[in-house]
């Protein structure tokens, strides 16, 4: 049988000495209920534990586009409120936006969206009681509230972001919060990430065996109630008691299927006396 979710589930149940299932979603037996509830969660959790080569994906993403203001552009409409008029938009209450070139210093900046209609975006503007200057066809765009300038949305299947723009140094500052990447990069970014693999035939065989063991450990209490069996499965997976675990072995094999990587000098390495470019083994995928 080719690798599949059903085969992985039954491999886990075999490790527990439990009955096999006929489906990962529709089997109503005790074993089937456990598999339906936990298989996918265990798979995604194990994928996040290591930058697996087979689960690595690359993409180029862009921040939300700026929206151009239309007549009457920006206007002070109520106490501490500014209303921007646009042809259409996708802002929601609670978002933050950055307004630029709106014709007024009071209406340029970062604001929290208070409410919206199809063609207007109302923001909270504490302390603003009027707008100076002449309203203009500036722009508004989705942005973080502070610290960073641009907001990117993670790819829908991203489980773990590994790298952006092929840089590990301090010049490419970024942070993942929720399903967003906060950054000061203005136009686009190349992202390398672990994705949610749903085709089990693509999985590395050692990951696949780790997955069966991890599922067995996860559902052991529910299926067997045996604390000693659960401890044994943990040792099989992670190692201990003189054993090298499946997961460390799988990680090592995965990390060595790559060329050596160059570690370029950065401000940090230079400050610590390692200015020369050094060749290091790639252990991060």
Protein backbone atom coordinates (compact mmCIF):
# COMPACT_ATOMS: atom_id res chain seq x y z
CA UNK A 1 0.00 0.00 0.00
CA UNK A 2 1.28 3.47 -0.87
CA UNK A 3 1.80 5.90 1.97
CA UNK A 4 -1.54 7.39 3.02
CA UNK A 5 -3.32 8.90 5.99
CA UNK A 6 -5.12 5.60 6.55
CA UNK A 7 -1.89 3.59 6.52
CA UNK A 8 -0.24 6.02 8.97
CA UNK A 9 -3.28 5.78 11.25
CA UNK A 10 -3.25 1.99 11.24
CA UNK A 11 0.51 1.92 11.81
CA UNK A 12 -0.09 4.02 14.94
CA UNK A 13 -2.85 1.70 16.11
CA UNK A 14 -0.63 -1.34 15.44
CA UNK A 15 2.01 0.14 17.77
CA UNK A 16 -0.70 0.28 20.45
CA UNK A 17 -1.94 -3.24 19.82
CA UNK A 18 -5.32 -1.78 18.85
CA UNK A 19 -7.75 -2.68 16.09
CA UNK A 20 -7.25 -1.05 12.72
CA UNK A 21 -9.72 1.39 11.16
CA UNK A 22 -11.30 1.50 7.72
CA UNK A 23 -11.41 5.30 7.46
CA UNK A 24 -9.62 8.27 9.04
CA UNK A 25 -12.84 10.28 9.27
CA UNK A 26 -15.86 7.98 9.17
CA UNK A 27 -14.96 5.00 11.36
CA UNK A 28 -17.18 5.14 14.48
CA UNK A 29 -15.17 2.70 16.59
CA UNK A 30 -13.18 3.93 19.60
CA UNK A 31 -10.04 3.77 17.49
CA UNK A 32 -11.73 5.63 14.64
CA UNK A 33 -12.89 8.44 16.93
CA UNK A 34 -9.34 8.91 18.22
CA UNK A 35 -7.82 8.94 14.74
CA UNK A 36 -10.39 11.39 13.39
CA UNK A 37 -9.76 13.76 16.28
CA UNK A 38 -5.96 13.65 16.41
CA UNK A 39 -4.31 12.51 13.16
CA UNK A 40 -4.25 15.84 11.34
CA UNK A 41 -3.27 17.80 14.45
CA UNK A 42 -0.36 15.42 15.10
CA UNK A 43 0.78 15.66 11.48
CA UNK A 44 0.85 19.48 11.52
CA UNK A 45 2.58 19.54 14.90
CA UNK A 46 5.32 17.17 13.71
CA UNK A 47 5.81 19.19 10.53
CA UNK A 48 6.55 22.28 12.66
CA UNK A 49 9.21 20.48 14.69
CA UNK A 50 11.88 20.56 11.98
CA UNK A 51 12.49 22.26 8.59
CA UNK A 52 11.84 19.05 6.67
CA UNK A 53 13.12 19.18 3.09
CA UNK A 54 10.08 17.42 1.67
CA UNK A 55 7.74 19.93 3.36
CA UNK A 56 9.64 23.07 2.33
CA UNK A 57 8.05 25.51 -0.08
CA UNK A 58 9.12 28.86 -1.50
CA UNK A 59 6.96 31.76 -2.60
CA UNK A 60 7.10 35.48 -3.36
CA UNK A 61 4.49 37.51 -1.51
CA UNK A 62 3.53 41.19 -1.52
CA UNK A 63 1.91 43.45 1.08
CA UNK A 64 -1.66 44.67 0.57
CA UNK A 65 -1.82 47.29 -2.16
CA UNK A 66 -2.40 50.93 -1.31
CA UNK A 67 -5.91 52.26 -1.99
CA UNK A 68 -6.17 55.68 -3.65
CA UNK A 69 -8.50 58.22 -2.03
CA UNK A 70 -11.33 59.69 -4.10
CA UNK A 71 -13.34 62.91 -3.69
CA UNK A 72 -13.81 64.22 -1.00
CA UNK A 73 -10.61 62.38 0.02
CA UNK A 74 -9.99 62.87 3.78
CA UNK A 75 -12.33 64.81 6.04
CA UNK A 76 -12.79 65.52 9.74
CA UNK A 77 -16.32 64.23 10.30
CA UNK A 78 -16.81 63.83 14.07
CA UNK A 79 -14.97 64.24 17.32
CA UNK A 80 -11.59 62.55 16.92
CA UNK A 81 -12.73 60.86 13.70
CA UNK A 82 -11.38 61.10 10.14
CA UNK A 83 -13.24 59.66 7.16
CA UNK A 84 -11.40 58.56 4.02
CA UNK A 85 -13.37 58.13 0.81
CA UNK A 86 -12.36 55.43 -1.68
CA UNK A 87 -13.88 53.63 -4.66
CA UNK A 88 -13.72 50.28 -2.82
CA UNK A 89 -11.69 48.66 -0.06
CA UNK A 90 -11.27 45.59 2.19
CA UNK A 91 -10.63 47.27 5.56
CA UNK A 92 -12.51 46.15 8.66
CA UNK A 93 -13.06 47.72 12.07
CA UNK A 94 -10.06 47.02 14.27
CA UNK A 95 -7.55 47.06 11.40
CA UNK A 96 -4.77 49.62 11.35
CA UNK A 97 -3.98 51.66 8.27
CA UNK A 98 -1.28 54.06 7.19
CA UNK A 99 -2.46 57.17 5.32
CA UNK A 100 -0.04 59.14 3.14
CA UNK A 101 -0.17 62.25 0.92
CA UNK A 102 -3.76 62.97 1.95
CA UNK A 103 -3.19 66.72 1.90
CA UNK A 104 -3.14 67.21 5.66
CA UNK A 105 -0.59 66.46 8.35
CA UNK A 106 -3.44 65.50 10.68
CA UNK A 107 -4.81 62.87 8.29
CA UNK A 108 -1.41 61.35 7.44
CA UNK A 109 -0.14 58.64 9.77
CA UNK A 110 -1.19 55.37 11.38
CA UNK A 111 -4.78 55.05 12.60
CA UNK A 112 -7.15 52.36 13.89
CA UNK A 113 -10.20 51.72 11.73
CA UNK A 114 -13.39 52.52 13.63
CA UNK A 115 -16.06 51.67 11.06
CA UNK A 116 -16.54 51.30 7.32
CA UNK A 117 -19.06 51.48 4.51
CA UNK A 118 -18.61 50.29 0.93
CA UNK A 119 -16.79 53.52 -0.02
CA UNK A 120 -15.63 55.05 3.27
CA UNK A 121 -13.19 54.15 6.03
CA UNK A 122 -13.58 55.94 9.37
CA UNK A 123 -10.59 55.96 11.73
CA UNK A 124 -9.98 56.98 15.32
CA UNK A 125 -7.81 60.10 15.44
CA UNK A 126 -7.28 61.06 19.10
CA UNK A 127 -6.70 64.77 19.58
CA UNK A 128 -7.63 65.74 16.02
CA UNK A 129 -10.33 68.43 15.89
CA UNK A 130 -9.83 69.68 12.33
CA UNK A 131 -7.77 69.10 9.19
CA UNK A 132 -5.36 71.68 7.77
CA UNK A 133 -4.31 71.95 4.13
CA UNK A 134 -6.19 70.86 1.02
CA UNK A 135 -7.56 67.30 0.77
CA UNK A 136 -5.72 65.31 -1.91
CA UNK A 137 -5.82 61.94 -3.66
CA UNK A 138 -3.43 60.25 -1.27
CA UNK A 139 -3.45 56.61 -0.27
CA UNK A 140 -4.33 54.33 2.63
CA UNK A 141 -2.98 50.83 3.17
CA UNK A 142 -3.23 48.09 5.76
CA UNK A 143 -0.32 48.26 8.20
CA UNK A 144 0.84 47.29 11.71
CA UNK A 145 -0.04 49.65 14.55
CA UNK A 146 3.61 50.30 15.45
CA UNK A 147 7.23 49.02 15.32
CA UNK A 148 6.93 47.79 11.71
CA UNK A 149 5.74 49.50 8.55
CA UNK A 150 4.30 46.76 6.34
CA UNK A 151 1.98 43.82 6.87
CA UNK A 152 2.14 40.63 4.79
CA UNK A 153 -0.24 37.69 4.92
CA UNK A 154 1.30 34.25 5.32
CA UNK A 155 0.54 31.71 2.57
CA UNK A 156 -2.60 29.80 3.52
CA UNK A 157 -0.75 26.48 3.88
CA UNK A 158 2.20 27.88 5.84
CA UNK A 159 2.87 26.09 9.14
CA UNK A 160 6.24 27.62 9.98
CA UNK A 161 8.12 30.51 8.39
CA UNK A 162 11.81 29.69 8.00
CA UNK A 163 13.42 32.58 6.16
CA UNK A 164 12.71 35.70 4.11
CA UNK A 165 14.80 37.01 1.21
CA UNK A 166 17.50 34.36 1.84
CA UNK A 167 18.71 36.37 4.84
CA UNK A 168 19.37 35.30 8.40
CA UNK A 169 21.13 38.52 9.43
CA UNK A 170 19.81 41.53 11.32
CA UNK A 171 19.19 43.67 8.24
CA UNK A 172 15.94 41.86 7.40
CA UNK A 173 13.87 42.34 10.54
CA UNK A 174 10.52 40.58 10.61
CA UNK A 175 8.12 38.94 13.00
CA UNK A 176 5.21 36.54 12.65
CA UNK A 177 2.07 37.50 14.58
CA UNK A 178 -1.00 35.42 13.94
CA UNK A 179 -1.22 34.82 10.21
CA UNK A 180 0.71 38.01 9.39
CA UNK A 181 4.36 38.88 8.83
CA UNK A 182 5.34 42.31 10.16
CA UNK A 183 8.29 43.85 8.35
CA UNK A 184 9.84 47.06 7.03
CA UNK A 185 10.29 45.52 3.57
CA UNK A 186 8.18 47.65 1.24
CA UNK A 187 7.56 45.82 -2.04
CA UNK A 188 7.79 42.03 -1.85
CA UNK A 189 9.56 39.26 0.02
CA UNK A 190 10.78 35.80 -0.88
CA UNK A 191 9.59 33.44 1.82
CA UNK A 192 10.76 29.92 2.61
CA UNK A 193 8.38 27.98 4.81
CA UNK A 194 7.11 24.61 5.97
CA UNK A 195 3.73 23.89 4.44
CA UNK A 196 0.90 21.60 5.44
CA UNK A 197 1.63 18.50 3.36
CA UNK A 198 -1.61 16.67 2.56
CA UNK A 199 -0.19 14.22 -0.01
CA UNK A 200 1.24 11.45 2.18
CA UNK A 201 3.19 9.96 -0.74
CA UNK A 202 5.48 13.01 -0.63
CA UNK A 203 6.50 12.39 2.99
CA UNK A 204 10.00 11.21 3.79
CA UNK A 205 9.81 7.63 5.04
CA UNK A 206 11.49 8.48 8.36
CA UNK A 207 9.06 11.35 8.96
CA UNK A 208 6.24 8.94 8.09
CA UNK A 209 7.42 6.47 10.74
CA UNK A 210 7.83 9.29 13.25
CA UNK A 211 4.28 10.39 12.49
CA UNK A 212 2.85 6.94 13.23
CA UNK A 213 4.76 6.84 16.53
CA UNK A 214 3.72 10.38 17.45
CA UNK A 215 0.06 9.60 16.79
CA UNK A 216 0.34 6.42 18.87
CA UNK A 217 1.90 8.38 21.75
CA UNK A 218 -0.78 11.08 21.48
CA UNK A 219 -3.78 8.71 21.61
CA UNK A 220 -2.21 6.15 23.95
CA UNK A 221 -4.09 7.34 27.05
CA UNK A 222 -7.43 7.18 25.26
CA UNK A 223 -6.85 3.79 23.64
CA UNK A 224 -4.87 1.86 26.26
CA UNK A 225 -4.67 3.91 29.46
CA UNK A 226 -1.13 2.58 29.87
CA UNK A 227 1.37 5.09 31.25
CA UNK A 228 4.30 2.72 30.67
CA UNK A 229 3.33 2.24 27.02
CA UNK A 230 3.13 5.99 26.55
CA UNK A 231 6.60 6.44 28.10
CA UNK A 232 7.99 3.75 25.79
CA UNK A 233 6.53 5.49 22.74
CA UNK A 234 8.03 8.82 23.86
CA UNK A 235 11.43 7.14 24.20
CA UNK A 236 11.05 5.52 20.76
CA UNK A 237 10.32 8.92 19.27
CA UNK A 238 12.72 11.24 21.10
CA UNK A 239 15.34 8.89 22.49
CA UNK A 240 16.49 8.08 26.02
CA UNK A 241 17.41 5.03 28.06
CA UNK A 242 20.40 4.52 25.78
CA UNK A 243 18.33 4.76 22.59
CA UNK A 244 18.62 7.22 19.72
CA UNK A 245 15.07 8.28 18.94
CA UNK A 246 13.36 8.11 15.58
CA UNK A 247 12.95 11.88 15.46
CA UNK A 248 16.65 12.76 15.99
CA UNK A 249 17.62 10.16 13.37
CA UNK A 250 15.08 11.54 10.90
CA UNK A 251 16.17 15.12 11.53
CA UNK A 252 19.83 14.22 11.00
CA UNK A 253 19.17 12.38 7.73
CA UNK A 254 17.00 15.24 6.49
CA UNK A 255 19.57 17.91 7.41
CA UNK A 256 22.39 16.14 5.56
CA UNK A 257 20.56 15.96 2.24
CA UNK A 258 21.79 19.39 1.19
CA UNK A 259 24.95 21.15 0.13
CA UNK A 260 27.06 23.04 2.64
CA UNK A 261 25.85 26.60 3.16
CA UNK A 262 27.86 29.80 3.38
CA UNK A 263 27.43 31.90 6.51
CA UNK A 264 28.10 35.48 5.45
CA UNK A 265 29.60 37.99 7.84
CA UNK A 266 27.10 40.18 9.66
CA UNK A 267 27.36 43.00 12.18
CA UNK A 268 27.01 40.42 14.96
CA UNK A 269 29.74 38.06 13.70
CA UNK A 270 32.05 40.97 12.92
CA UNK A 271 31.62 42.34 16.45
CA UNK A 272 32.57 38.94 17.84
CA UNK A 273 35.69 38.59 15.72
CA UNK A 274 34.37 36.30 12.99
CA UNK A 275 34.59 38.63 10.02
CA UNK A 276 35.59 36.05 7.42
CA UNK A 277 32.95 34.13 5.51
CA UNK A 278 32.73 30.64 6.97
CA UNK A 279 31.46 27.39 5.50
CA UNK A 280 29.09 25.60 7.85
CA UNK A 281 27.06 22.44 7.59
CA UNK A 282 23.42 23.07 6.91
CA UNK A 283 21.35 21.81 9.84
CA UNK A 284 18.37 24.12 9.31
CA UNK A 285 17.28 23.00 5.86
